[in-house]
PDBML (XML) file of the C-alpha atoms, coordinates in Angstrom:
<?xml version="1.0" encoding="UTF-8" ?>
<PDBx:datablock datablockName="MODEL"
   xmlns:PDBx="http://pdbml.pdb.org/schema/pdbx-v50.xsd"
   xmlns:xsi="http://www.w3.org/2001/XMLSchema-instance"
   xsi:schemaLocation="http://pdbml.pdb.org/schema/pdbx-v50.xsd pdbx-v50.xsd">
   <PDBx:atom_siteCategory>
      <PDBx:atom_site id="1">
         <PDBx:B_iso_or_equiv>0.00</PDBx:B_iso_or_equiv>
         <PDBx:Cartn_x>-134.876</PDBx:Cartn_x>
         <PDBx:Cartn_y>113.161</PDBx:Cartn_y>
         <PDBx:Cartn_z>16.809</PDBx:Cartn_z>
         <PDBx:auth_asym_id>A</PDBx:auth_asym_id>
         <PDBx:auth_atom_id>CA</PDBx:auth_atom_id>
         <PDBx:auth_comp_id>MET</PDBx:auth_comp_id>
         <PDBx:auth_seq_id>1</PDBx:auth_seq_id>
         <PDBx:group_PDB>ATOM</PDBx:group_PDB>
         <PDBx:label_alt_id xsi:nil="true" />
         <PDBx:label_asym_id>A</PDBx:label_asym_id>
         <PDBx:label_atom_id>CA</PDBx:label_atom_id>
         <PDBx:label_comp_id>MET</PDBx:label_comp_id>
         <PDBx:label_entity_id>1</PDBx:label_entity_id>
         <PDBx:label_seq_id>1</PDBx:label_seq_id>
         <PDBx:occupancy>1.00</PDBx:occupancy>
         <PDBx:pdbx_PDB_model_num>1</PDBx:pdbx_PDB_model_num>
         <PDBx:type_symbol>C</PDBx:type_symbol>
      </PDBx:atom_site>
      <PDBx:atom_site id="2">
         <PDBx:B_iso_or_equiv>0.00</PDBx:B_iso_or_equiv>
         <PDBx:Cartn_x>-134.193</PDBx:Cartn_x>
         <PDBx:Cartn_y>109.701</PDBx:Cartn_y>
         <PDBx:Cartn_z>18.209</PDBx:Cartn_z>
         <PDBx:auth_asym_id>A</PDBx:auth_asym_id>
         <PDBx:auth_atom_id>CA</PDBx:auth_atom_id>
         <PDBx:auth_comp_id>PHE</PDBx:auth_comp_id>
         <PDBx:auth_seq_id>2</PDBx:auth_seq_id>
         <PDBx:group_PDB>ATOM</PDBx:group_PDB>
         <PDBx:label_alt_id xsi:nil="true" />
         <PDBx:label_asym_id>A</PDBx:label_asym_id>
         <PDBx:label_atom_id>CA</PDBx:label_atom_id>
         <PDBx:label_comp_id>PHE</PDBx:label_comp_id>
         <PDBx:label_entity_id>1</PDBx:label_entity_id>
         <PDBx:label_seq_id>2</PDBx:label_seq_id>
         <PDBx:occupancy>1.00</PDBx:occupancy>
         <PDBx:pdbx_PDB_model_num>1</PDBx:pdbx_PDB_model_num>
         <PDBx:type_symbol>C</PDBx:type_symbol>
      </PDBx:atom_site>
      <PDBx:atom_site id="3">
         <PDBx:B_iso_or_equiv>0.00</PDBx:B_iso_or_equiv>
         <PDBx:Cartn_x>-137.915</PDBx:Cartn_x>
         <PDBx:Cartn_y>109.315</PDBx:Cartn_y>
         <PDBx:Cartn_z>18.939</PDBx:Cartn_z>
         <PDBx:auth_asym_id>A</PDBx:auth_asym_id>
         <PDBx:auth_atom_id>CA</PDBx:auth_atom_id>
         <PDBx:auth_comp_id>THR</PDBx:auth_comp_id>
         <PDBx:auth_seq_id>3</PDBx:auth_seq_id>
         <PDBx:group_PDB>ATOM</PDBx:group_PDB>
         <PDBx:label_alt_id xsi:nil="true" />
         <PDBx:label_asym_id>A</PDBx:label_asym_id>
         <PDBx:label_atom_id>CA</PDBx:label_atom_id>
         <PDBx:label_comp_id>THR</PDBx:label_comp_id>
         <PDBx:label_entity_id>1</PDBx:label_entity_id>
         <PDBx:label_seq_id>3</PDBx:label_seq_id>
         <PDBx:occupancy>1.00</PDBx:occupancy>
         <PDBx:pdbx_PDB_model_num>1</PDBx:pdbx_PDB_model_num>
         <PDBx:type_symbol>C</PDBx:type_symbol>
      </PDBx:atom_site>
      <PDBx:atom_site id="4">
         <PDBx:B_iso_or_equiv>0.00</PDBx:B_iso_or_equiv>
         <PDBx:Cartn_x>-138.773</PDBx:Cartn_x>
         <PDBx:Cartn_y>110.289</PDBx:Cartn_y>
         <PDBx:Cartn_z>15.365</PDBx:Cartn_z>
         <PDBx:auth_asym_id>A</PDBx:auth_asym_id>
         <PDBx:auth_atom_id>CA</PDBx:auth_atom_id>
         <PDBx:auth_comp_id>ALA</PDBx:auth_comp_id>
         <PDBx:auth_seq_id>4</PDBx:auth_seq_id>
         <PDBx:group_PDB>ATOM</PDBx:group_PDB>
         <PDBx:label_alt_id xsi:nil="true" />
         <PDBx:label_asym_id>A</PDBx:label_asym_id>
         <PDBx:label_atom_id>CA</PDBx:label_atom_id>
         <PDBx:label_comp_id>ALA</PDBx:label_comp_id>
         <PDBx:label_entity_id>1</PDBx:label_entity_id>
         <PDBx:label_seq_id>4</PDBx:label_seq_id>
         <PDBx:occupancy>1.00</PDBx:occupancy>
         <PDBx:pdbx_PDB_model_num>1</PDBx:pdbx_PDB_model_num>
         <PDBx:type_symbol>C</PDBx:type_symbol>
      </PDBx:atom_site>
      <PDBx:atom_site id="5">
         <PDBx:B_iso_or_equiv>0.00</PDBx:B_iso_or_equiv>
         <PDBx:Cartn_x>-136.600</PDBx:Cartn_x>
         <PDBx:Cartn_y>107.499</PDBx:Cartn_y>
         <PDBx:Cartn_z>13.925</PDBx:Cartn_z>
         <PDBx:auth_asym_id>A</PDBx:auth_asym_id>
         <PDBx:auth_atom_id>CA</PDBx:auth_atom_id>
         <PDBx:auth_comp_id>VAL</PDBx:auth_comp_id>
         <PDBx:auth_seq_id>5</PDBx:auth_seq_id>
         <PDBx:group_PDB>ATOM</PDBx:group_PDB>
         <PDBx:label_alt_id xsi:nil="true" />
         <PDBx:label_asym_id>A</PDBx:label_asym_id>
         <PDBx:label_atom_id>CA</PDBx:label_atom_id>
         <PDBx:label_comp_id>VAL</PDBx:label_comp_id>
         <PDBx:label_entity_id>1</PDBx:label_entity_id>
         <PDBx:label_seq_id>5</PDBx:label_seq_id>
         <PDBx:occupancy>1.00</PDBx:occupancy>
         <PDBx:pdbx_PDB_model_num>1</PDBx:pdbx_PDB_model_num>
         <PDBx:type_symbol>C</PDBx:type_symbol>
      </PDBx:atom_site>
      <PDBx:atom_site id="6">
         <PDBx:B_iso_or_equiv>0.00</PDBx:B_iso_or_equiv>
         <PDBx:Cartn_x>-137.683</PDBx:Cartn_x>
         <PDBx:Cartn_y>104.987</PDBx:Cartn_y>
         <PDBx:Cartn_z>16.595</PDBx:Cartn_z>
         <PDBx:auth_asym_id>A</PDBx:auth_asym_id>
         <PDBx:auth_atom_id>CA</PDBx:auth_atom_id>
         <PDBx:auth_comp_id>GLY</PDBx:auth_comp_id>
         <PDBx:auth_seq_id>6</PDBx:auth_seq_id>
         <PDBx:group_PDB>ATOM</PDBx:group_PDB>
         <PDBx:label_alt_id xsi:nil="true" />
         <PDBx:label_asym_id>A</PDBx:label_asym_id>
         <PDBx:label_atom_id>CA</PDBx:label_atom_id>
         <PDBx:label_comp_id>GLY</PDBx:label_comp_id>
         <PDBx:label_entity_id>1</PDBx:label_entity_id>
         <PDBx:label_seq_id>6</PDBx:label_seq_id>
         <PDBx:occupancy>1.00</PDBx:occupancy>
         <PDBx:pdbx_PDB_model_num>1</PDBx:pdbx_PDB_model_num>
         <PDBx:type_symbol>C</PDBx:type_symbol>
      </PDBx:atom_site>
      <PDBx:atom_site id="7">
         <PDBx:B_iso_or_equiv>0.00</PDBx:B_iso_or_equiv>
         <PDBx:Cartn_x>-134.225</PDBx:Cartn_x>
         <PDBx:Cartn_y>104.472</PDBx:Cartn_y>
         <PDBx:Cartn_z>18.146</PDBx:Cartn_z>
         <PDBx:auth_asym_id>A</PDBx:auth_asym_id>
         <PDBx:auth_atom_id>CA</PDBx:auth_atom_id>
         <PDBx:auth_comp_id>ASP</PDBx:auth_comp_id>
         <PDBx:auth_seq_id>7</PDBx:auth_seq_id>
         <PDBx:group_PDB>ATOM</PDBx:group_PDB>
         <PDBx:label_alt_id xsi:nil="true" />
         <PDBx:label_asym_id>A</PDBx:label_asym_id>
         <PDBx:label_atom_id>CA</PDBx:label_atom_id>
         <PDBx:label_comp_id>ASP</PDBx:label_comp_id>
         <PDBx:label_entity_id>1</PDBx:label_entity_id>
         <PDBx:label_seq_id>7</PDBx:label_seq_id>
         <PDBx:occupancy>1.00</PDBx:occupancy>
         <PDBx:pdbx_PDB_model_num>1</PDBx:pdbx_PDB_model_num>
         <PDBx:type_symbol>C</PDBx:type_symbol>
      </PDBx:atom_site>
      <PDBx:atom_site id="8">
         <PDBx:B_iso_or_equiv>0.00</PDBx:B_iso_or_equiv>
         <PDBx:Cartn_x>-135.407</PDBx:Cartn_x>
         <PDBx:Cartn_y>103.370</PDBx:Cartn_y>
         <PDBx:Cartn_z>21.593</PDBx:Cartn_z>
         <PDBx:auth_asym_id>A</PDBx:auth_asym_id>
         <PDBx:auth_atom_id>CA</PDBx:auth_atom_id>
         <PDBx:auth_comp_id>GLN</PDBx:auth_comp_id>
         <PDBx:auth_seq_id>8</PDBx:auth_seq_id>
         <PDBx:group_PDB>ATOM</PDBx:group_PDB>
         <PDBx:label_alt_id xsi:nil="true" />
         <PDBx:label_asym_id>A</PDBx:label_asym_id>
         <PDBx:label_atom_id>CA</PDBx:label_atom_id>
         <PDBx:label_comp_id>GLN</PDBx:label_comp_id>
         <PDBx:label_entity_id>1</PDBx:label_entity_id>
         <PDBx:label_seq_id>8</PDBx:label_seq_id>
         <PDBx:occupancy>1.00</PDBx:occupancy>
         <PDBx:pdbx_PDB_model_num>1</PDBx:pdbx_PDB_model_num>
         <PDBx:type_symbol>C</PDBx:type_symbol>
      </PDBx:atom_site>
      <PDBx:atom_site id="9">
         <PDBx:B_iso_or_equiv>0.00</PDBx:B_iso_or_equiv>
         <PDBx:Cartn_x>-131.958</PDBx:Cartn_x>
         <PDBx:Cartn_y>102.407</PDBx:Cartn_y>
         <PDBx:Cartn_z>22.839</PDBx:Cartn_z>
         <PDBx:auth_asym_id>A</PDBx:auth_asym_id>
         <PDBx:auth_atom_id>CA</PDBx:auth_atom_id>
         <PDBx:auth_comp_id>ALA</PDBx:auth_comp_id>
         <PDBx:auth_seq_id>9</PDBx:auth_seq_id>
         <PDBx:group_PDB>ATOM</PDBx:group_PDB>
         <PDBx:label_alt_id xsi:nil="true" />
         <PDBx:label_asym_id>A</PDBx:label_asym_id>
         <PDBx:label_atom_id>CA</PDBx:label_atom_id>
         <PDBx:label_comp_id>ALA</PDBx:label_comp_id>
         <PDBx:label_entity_id>1</PDBx:label_entity_id>
         <PDBx:label_seq_id>9</PDBx:label_seq_id>
         <PDBx:occupancy>1.00</PDBx:occupancy>
         <PDBx:pdbx_PDB_model_num>1</PDBx:pdbx_PDB_model_num>
         <PDBx:type_symbol>C</PDBx:type_symbol>
      </PDBx:atom_site>
      <PDBx:atom_site id="10">
         <PDBx:B_iso_or_equiv>0.00</PDBx:B_iso_or_equiv>
         <PDBx:Cartn_x>-130.636</PDBx:Cartn_x>
         <PDBx:Cartn_y>105.897</PDBx:Cartn_y>
         <PDBx:Cartn_z>22.078</PDBx:Cartn_z>
         <PDBx:auth_asym_id>A</PDBx:auth_asym_id>
         <PDBx:auth_atom_id>CA</PDBx:auth_atom_id>
         <PDBx:auth_comp_id>ALA</PDBx:auth_comp_id>
         <PDBx:auth_seq_id>10</PDBx:auth_seq_id>
         <PDBx:group_PDB>ATOM</PDBx:group_PDB>
         <PDBx:label_alt_id xsi:nil="true" />
         <PDBx:label_asym_id>A</PDBx:label_asym_id>
         <PDBx:label_atom_id>CA</PDBx:label_atom_id>
         <PDBx:label_comp_id>ALA</PDBx:label_comp_id>
         <PDBx:label_entity_id>1</PDBx:label_entity_id>
         <PDBx:label_seq_id>10</PDBx:label_seq_id>
         <PDBx:occupancy>1.00</PDBx:occupancy>
         <PDBx:pdbx_PDB_model_num>1</PDBx:pdbx_PDB_model_num>
         <PDBx:type_symbol>C</PDBx:type_symbol>
      </PDBx:atom_site>
      <PDBx:atom_site id="11">
         <PDBx:B_iso_or_equiv>0.00</PDBx:B_iso_or_equiv>
         <PDBx:Cartn_x>-133.718</PDBx:Cartn_x>
         <PDBx:Cartn_y>107.446</PDBx:Cartn_y>
         <PDBx:Cartn_z>23.691</PDBx:Cartn_z>
         <PDBx:auth_asym_id>A</PDBx:auth_asym_id>
         <PDBx:auth_atom_id>CA</PDBx:auth_atom_id>
         <PDBx:auth_comp_id>CYS</PDBx:auth_comp_id>
         <PDBx:auth_seq_id>11</PDBx:auth_seq_id>
         <PDBx:group_PDB>ATOM</PDBx:group_PDB>
         <PDBx:label_alt_id xsi:nil="true" />
         <PDBx:label_asym_id>A</PDBx:label_asym_id>
         <PDBx:label_atom_id>CA</PDBx:label_atom_id>
         <PDBx:label_comp_id>CYS</PDBx:label_comp_id>
         <PDBx:label_entity_id>1</PDBx:label_entity_id>
         <PDBx:label_seq_id>11</PDBx:label_seq_id>
         <PDBx:occupancy>1.00</PDBx:occupancy>
         <PDBx:pdbx_PDB_model_num>1</PDBx:pdbx_PDB_model_num>
         <PDBx:type_symbol>C</PDBx:type_symbol>
      </PDBx:atom_site>
      <PDBx:atom_site id="12">
         <PDBx:B_iso_or_equiv>0.00</PDBx:B_iso_or_equiv>
         <PDBx:Cartn_x>-133.008</PDBx:Cartn_x>
         <PDBx:Cartn_y>105.469</PDBx:Cartn_y>
         <PDBx:Cartn_z>26.853</PDBx:Cartn_z>
         <PDBx:auth_asym_id>A</PDBx:auth_asym_id>
         <PDBx:auth_atom_id>CA</PDBx:auth_atom_id>
         <PDBx:auth_comp_id>ALA</PDBx:auth_comp_id>
         <PDBx:auth_seq_id>12</PDBx:auth_seq_id>
         <PDBx:group_PDB>ATOM</PDBx:group_PDB>
         <PDBx:label_alt_id xsi:nil="true" />
         <PDBx:label_asym_id>A</PDBx:label_asym_id>
         <PDBx:label_atom_id>CA</PDBx:label_atom_id>
         <PDBx:label_comp_id>ALA</PDBx:label_comp_id>
         <PDBx:label_entity_id>1</PDBx:label_entity_id>
         <PDBx:label_seq_id>12</PDBx:label_seq_id>
         <PDBx:occupancy>1.00</PDBx:occupancy>
         <PDBx:pdbx_PDB_model_num>1</PDBx:pdbx_PDB_model_num>
         <PDBx:type_symbol>C</PDBx:type_symbol>
      </PDBx:atom_site>
      <PDBx:atom_site id="13">
         <PDBx:B_iso_or_equiv>0.00</PDBx:B_iso_or_equiv>
         <PDBx:Cartn_x>-129.461</PDBx:Cartn_x>
         <PDBx:Cartn_y>106.819</PDBx:Cartn_y>
         <PDBx:Cartn_z>26.949</PDBx:Cartn_z>
         <PDBx:auth_asym_id>A</PDBx:auth_asym_id>
         <PDBx:auth_atom_id>CA</PDBx:auth_atom_id>
         <PDBx:auth_comp_id>GLU</PDBx:auth_comp_id>
         <PDBx:auth_seq_id>13</PDBx:auth_seq_id>
         <PDBx:group_PDB>ATOM</PDBx:group_PDB>
         <PDBx:label_alt_id xsi:nil="true" />
         <PDBx:label_asym_id>A</PDBx:label_asym_id>
         <PDBx:label_atom_id>CA</PDBx:label_atom_id>
         <PDBx:label_comp_id>GLU</PDBx:label_comp_id>
         <PDBx:label_entity_id>1</PDBx:label_entity_id>
         <PDBx:label_seq_id>13</PDBx:label_seq_id>
         <PDBx:occupancy>1.00</PDBx:occupancy>
         <PDBx:pdbx_PDB_model_num>1</PDBx:pdbx_PDB_model_num>
         <PDBx:type_symbol>C</PDBx:type_symbol>
      </PDBx:atom_site>
      <PDBx:atom_site id="14">
         <PDBx:B_iso_or_equiv>0.00</PDBx:B_iso_or_equiv>
         <PDBx:Cartn_x>-130.702</PDBx:Cartn_x>
         <PDBx:Cartn_y>110.400</PDBx:Cartn_y>
         <PDBx:Cartn_z>26.555</PDBx:Cartn_z>
         <PDBx:auth_asym_id>A</PDBx:auth_asym_id>
         <PDBx:auth_atom_id>CA</PDBx:auth_atom_id>
         <PDBx:auth_comp_id>VAL</PDBx:auth_comp_id>
         <PDBx:auth_seq_id>14</PDBx:auth_seq_id>
         <PDBx:group_PDB>ATOM</PDBx:group_PDB>
         <PDBx:label_alt_id xsi:nil="true" />
         <PDBx:label_asym_id>A</PDBx:label_asym_id>
         <PDBx:label_atom_id>CA</PDBx:label_atom_id>
         <PDBx:label_comp_id>VAL</PDBx:label_comp_id>
         <PDBx:label_entity_id>1</PDBx:label_entity_id>
         <PDBx:label_seq_id>14</PDBx:label_seq_id>
         <PDBx:occupancy>1.00</PDBx:occupancy>
         <PDBx:pdbx_PDB_model_num>1</PDBx:pdbx_PDB_model_num>
         <PDBx:type_symbol>C</PDBx:type_symbol>
      </PDBx:atom_site>
      <PDBx:atom_site id="15">
         <PDBx:B_iso_or_equiv>0.00</PDBx:B_iso_or_equiv>
         <PDBx:Cartn_x>-133.227</PDBx:Cartn_x>
         <PDBx:Cartn_y>109.916</PDBx:Cartn_y>
         <PDBx:Cartn_z>29.376</PDBx:Cartn_z>
         <PDBx:auth_asym_id>A</PDBx:auth_asym_id>
         <PDBx:auth_atom_id>CA</PDBx:auth_atom_id>
         <PDBx:auth_comp_id>TYR</PDBx:auth_comp_id>
         <PDBx:auth_seq_id>15</PDBx:auth_seq_id>
         <PDBx:group_PDB>ATOM</PDBx:group_PDB>
         <PDBx:label_alt_id xsi:nil="true" />
         <PDBx:label_asym_id>A</PDBx:label_asym_id>
         <PDBx:label_atom_id>CA</PDBx:label_atom_id>
         <PDBx:label_comp_id>TYR</PDBx:label_comp_id>
         <PDBx:label_entity_id>1</PDBx:label_entity_id>
         <PDBx:label_seq_id>15</PDBx:label_seq_id>
         <PDBx:occupancy>1.00</PDBx:occupancy>
         <PDBx:pdbx_PDB_model_num>1</PDBx:pdbx_PDB_model_num>
         <PDBx:type_symbol>C</PDBx:type_symbol>
      </PDBx:atom_site>
      <PDBx:atom_site id="16">
         <PDBx:B_iso_or_equiv>0.00</PDBx:B_iso_or_equiv>
         <PDBx:Cartn_x>-130.324</PDBx:Cartn_x>
         <PDBx:Cartn_y>108.981</PDBx:Cartn_y>
         <PDBx:Cartn_z>31.641</PDBx:Cartn_z>
         <PDBx:auth_asym_id>A</PDBx:auth_asym_id>
         <PDBx:auth_atom_id>CA</PDBx:auth_atom_id>
         <PDBx:auth_comp_id>VAL</PDBx:auth_comp_id>
         <PDBx:auth_seq_id>16</PDBx:auth_seq_id>
         <PDBx:group_PDB>ATOM</PDBx:group_PDB>
         <PDBx:label_alt_id xsi:nil="true" />
         <PDBx:label_asym_id>A</PDBx:label_asym_id>
         <PDBx:label_atom_id>CA</PDBx:label_atom_id>
         <PDBx:label_comp_id>VAL</PDBx:label_comp_id>
         <PDBx:label_entity_id>1</PDBx:label_entity_id>
         <PDBx:label_seq_id>16</PDBx:label_seq_id>
         <PDBx:occupancy>1.00</PDBx:occupancy>
         <PDBx:pdbx_PDB_model_num>1</PDBx:pdbx_PDB_model_num>
         <PDBx:type_symbol>C</PDBx:type_symbol>
      </PDBx:atom_site>
      <PDBx:atom_site id="17">
         <PDBx:B_iso_or_equiv>0.00</PDBx:B_iso_or_equiv>
         <PDBx:Cartn_x>-128.502</PDBx:Cartn_x>
         <PDBx:Cartn_y>112.195</PDBx:Cartn_y>
         <PDBx:Cartn_z>30.719</PDBx:Cartn_z>
         <PDBx:auth_asym_id>A</PDBx:auth_asym_id>
         <PDBx:auth_atom_id>CA</PDBx:auth_atom_id>
         <PDBx:auth_comp_id>GLU</PDBx:auth_comp_id>
         <PDBx:auth_seq_id>17</PDBx:auth_seq_id>
         <PDBx:group_PDB>ATOM</PDBx:group_PDB>
         <PDBx:label_alt_id xsi:nil="true" />
         <PDBx:label_asym_id>A</PDBx:label_asym_id>
         <PDBx:label_atom_id>CA</PDBx:label_atom_id>
         <PDBx:label_comp_id>GLU</PDBx:label_comp_id>
         <PDBx:label_entity_id>1</PDBx:label_entity_id>
         <PDBx:label_seq_id>17</PDBx:label_seq_id>
         <PDBx:occupancy>1.00</PDBx:occupancy>
         <PDBx:pdbx_PDB_model_num>1</PDBx:pdbx_PDB_model_num>
         <PDBx:type_symbol>C</PDBx:type_symbol>
      </PDBx:atom_site>
      <PDBx:atom_site id="18">
         <PDBx:B_iso_or_equiv>0.00</PDBx:B_iso_or_equiv>
         <PDBx:Cartn_x>-131.660</PDBx:Cartn_x>
         <PDBx:Cartn_y>114.246</PDBx:Cartn_y>
         <PDBx:Cartn_z>31.271</PDBx:Cartn_z>
         <PDBx:auth_asym_id>A</PDBx:auth_asym_id>
         <PDBx:auth_atom_id>CA</PDBx:auth_atom_id>
         <PDBx:auth_comp_id>LEU</PDBx:auth_comp_id>
         <PDBx:auth_seq_id>18</PDBx:auth_seq_id>
         <PDBx:group_PDB>ATOM</PDBx:group_PDB>
         <PDBx:label_alt_id xsi:nil="true" />
         <PDBx:label_asym_id>A</PDBx:label_asym_id>
         <PDBx:label_atom_id>CA</PDBx:label_atom_id>
         <PDBx:label_comp_id>LEU</PDBx:label_comp_id>
         <PDBx:label_entity_id>1</PDBx:label_entity_id>
         <PDBx:label_seq_id>18</PDBx:label_seq_id>
         <PDBx:occupancy>1.00</PDBx:occupancy>
         <PDBx:pdbx_PDB_model_num>1</PDBx:pdbx_PDB_model_num>
         <PDBx:type_symbol>C</PDBx:type_symbol>
      </PDBx:atom_site>
      <PDBx:atom_site id="19">
         <PDBx:B_iso_or_equiv>0.00</PDBx:B_iso_or_equiv>
         <PDBx:Cartn_x>-132.009</PDBx:Cartn_x>
         <PDBx:Cartn_y>112.553</PDBx:Cartn_y>
         <PDBx:Cartn_z>34.654</PDBx:Cartn_z>
         <PDBx:auth_asym_id>A</PDBx:auth_asym_id>
         <PDBx:auth_atom_id>CA</PDBx:auth_atom_id>
         <PDBx:auth_comp_id>GLY</PDBx:auth_comp_id>
         <PDBx:auth_seq_id>19</PDBx:auth_seq_id>
         <PDBx:group_PDB>ATOM</PDBx:group_PDB>
         <PDBx:label_alt_id xsi:nil="true" />
         <PDBx:label_asym_id>A</PDBx:label_asym_id>
         <PDBx:label_atom_id>CA</PDBx:label_atom_id>
         <PDBx:label_comp_id>GLY</PDBx:label_comp_id>
         <PDBx:label_entity_id>1</PDBx:label_entity_id>
         <PDBx:label_seq_id>19</PDBx:label_seq_id>
         <PDBx:occupancy>1.00</PDBx:occupancy>
         <PDBx:pdbx_PDB_model_num>1</PDBx:pdbx_PDB_model_num>
         <PDBx:type_symbol>C</PDBx:type_symbol>
      </PDBx:atom_site>
      <PDBx:atom_site id="20">
         <PDBx:B_iso_or_equiv>0.00</PDBx:B_iso_or_equiv>
         <PDBx:Cartn_x>-128.467</PDBx:Cartn_x>
         <PDBx:Cartn_y>113.618</PDBx:Cartn_y>
         <PDBx:Cartn_z>35.567</PDBx:Cartn_z>
         <PDBx:auth_asym_id>A</PDBx:auth_asym_id>
         <PDBx:auth_atom_id>CA</PDBx:auth_atom_id>
         <PDBx:auth_comp_id>ARG</PDBx:auth_comp_id>
         <PDBx:auth_seq_id>20</PDBx:auth_seq_id>
         <PDBx:group_PDB>ATOM</PDBx:group_PDB>
         <PDBx:label_alt_id xsi:nil="true" />
         <PDBx:label_asym_id>A</PDBx:label_asym_id>
         <PDBx:label_atom_id>CA</PDBx:label_atom_id>
         <PDBx:label_comp_id>ARG</PDBx:label_comp_id>
         <PDBx:label_entity_id>1</PDBx:label_entity_id>
         <PDBx:label_seq_id>20</PDBx:label_seq_id>
         <PDBx:occupancy>1.00</PDBx:occupancy>
         <PDBx:pdbx_PDB_model_num>1</PDBx:pdbx_PDB_model_num>
         <PDBx:type_symbol>C</PDBx:type_symbol>
      </PDBx:atom_site>
      <PDBx:atom_site id="21">
         <PDBx:B_iso_or_equiv>0.00</PDBx:B_iso_or_equiv>
         <PDBx:Cartn_x>-129.305</PDBx:Cartn_x>
         <PDBx:Cartn_y>117.202</PDBx:Cartn_y>
         <PDBx:Cartn_z>34.577</PDBx:Cartn_z>
         <PDBx:auth_asym_id>A</PDBx:auth_asym_id>
         <PDBx:auth_atom_id>CA</PDBx:auth_atom_id>
         <PDBx:auth_comp_id>VAL</PDBx:auth_comp_id>
         <PDBx:auth_seq_id>21</PDBx:auth_seq_id>
         <PDBx:group_PDB>ATOM</PDBx:group_PDB>
         <PDBx:label_alt_id xsi:nil="true" />
         <PDBx:label_asym_id>A</PDBx:label_asym_id>
         <PDBx:label_atom_id>CA</PDBx:label_atom_id>
         <PDBx:label_comp_id>VAL</PDBx:label_comp_id>
         <PDBx:label_entity_id>1</PDBx:label_entity_id>
         <PDBx:label_seq_id>21</PDBx:label_seq_id>
         <PDBx:occupancy>1.00</PDBx:occupancy>
         <PDBx:pdbx_PDB_model_num>1</PDBx:pdbx_PDB_model_num>
         <PDBx:type_symbol>C</PDBx:type_symbol>
      </PDBx:atom_site>
      <PDBx:atom_site id="22">
         <PDBx:B_iso_or_equiv>0.00</PDBx:B_iso_or_equiv>
         <PDBx:Cartn_x>-132.495</PDBx:Cartn_x>
         <PDBx:Cartn_y>117.159</PDBx:Cartn_y>
         <PDBx:Cartn_z>36.659</PDBx:Cartn_z>
         <PDBx:auth_asym_id>A</PDBx:auth_asym_id>
         <PDBx:auth_atom_id>CA</PDBx:auth_atom_id>
         <PDBx:auth_comp_id>ALA</PDBx:auth_comp_id>
         <PDBx:auth_seq_id>22</PDBx:auth_seq_id>
         <PDBx:group_PDB>ATOM</PDBx:group_PDB>
         <PDBx:label_alt_id xsi:nil="true" />
         <PDBx:label_asym_id>A</PDBx:label_asym_id>
         <PDBx:label_atom_id>CA</PDBx:label_atom_id>
         <PDBx:label_comp_id>ALA</PDBx:label_comp_id>
         <PDBx:label_entity_id>1</PDBx:label_entity_id>
         <PDBx:label_seq_id>22</PDBx:label_seq_id>
         <PDBx:occupancy>1.00</PDBx:occupancy>
         <PDBx:pdbx_PDB_model_num>1</PDBx:pdbx_PDB_model_num>
         <PDBx:type_symbol>C</PDBx:type_symbol>
      </PDBx:atom_site>
      <PDBx:atom_site id="23">
         <PDBx:B_iso_or_equiv>0.00</PDBx:B_iso_or_equiv>
         <PDBx:Cartn_x>-130.554</PDBx:Cartn_x>
         <PDBx:Cartn_y>115.760</PDBx:Cartn_y>
         <PDBx:Cartn_z>39.605</PDBx:Cartn_z>
         <PDBx:auth_asym_id>A</PDBx:auth_asym_id>
         <PDBx:auth_atom_id>CA</PDBx:auth_atom_id>
         <PDBx:auth_comp_id>GLN</PDBx:auth_comp_id>
         <PDBx:auth_seq_id>23</PDBx:auth_seq_id>
         <PDBx:group_PDB>ATOM</PDBx:group_PDB>
         <PDBx:label_alt_id xsi:nil="true" />
         <PDBx:label_asym_id>A</PDBx:label_asym_id>
         <PDBx:label_atom_id>CA</PDBx:label_atom_id>
         <PDBx:label_comp_id>GLN</PDBx:label_comp_id>
         <PDBx:label_entity_id>1</PDBx:label_entity_id>
         <PDBx:label_seq_id>23</PDBx:label_seq_id>
         <PDBx:occupancy>1.00</PDBx:occupancy>
         <PDBx:pdbx_PDB_model_num>1</PDBx:pdbx_PDB_model_num>
         <PDBx:type_symbol>C</PDBx:type_symbol>
      </PDBx:atom_site>
      <PDBx:atom_site id="24">
         <PDBx:B_iso_or_equiv>0.00</PDBx:B_iso_or_equiv>
         <PDBx:Cartn_x>-128.017</PDBx:Cartn_x>
         <PDBx:Cartn_y>118.596</PDBx:Cartn_y>
         <PDBx:Cartn_z>39.380</PDBx:Cartn_z>
         <PDBx:auth_asym_id>A</PDBx:auth_asym_id>
         <PDBx:auth_atom_id>CA</PDBx:auth_atom_id>
         <PDBx:auth_comp_id>GLN</PDBx:auth_comp_id>
         <PDBx:auth_seq_id>24</PDBx:auth_seq_id>
         <PDBx:group_PDB>ATOM</PDBx:group_PDB>
         <PDBx:label_alt_id xsi:nil="true" />
         <PDBx:label_asym_id>A</PDBx:label_asym_id>
         <PDBx:label_atom_id>CA</PDBx:label_atom_id>
         <PDBx:label_comp_id>GLN</PDBx:label_comp_id>
         <PDBx:label_entity_id>1</PDBx:label_entity_id>
         <PDBx:label_seq_id>24</PDBx:label_seq_id>
         <PDBx:occupancy>1.00</PDBx:occupancy>
         <PDBx:pdbx_PDB_model_num>1</PDBx:pdbx_PDB_model_num>
         <PDBx:type_symbol>C</PDBx:type_symbol>
      </PDBx:atom_site>
   </PDBx:atom_siteCategory>
</PDBx:datablock>
């Protein structure tokens, strides 16, 4: 959804959370 509206800052924050999930 953030990608669809072009909110790159929000996308960056979600990538961090996905990284934490992958790390776990």
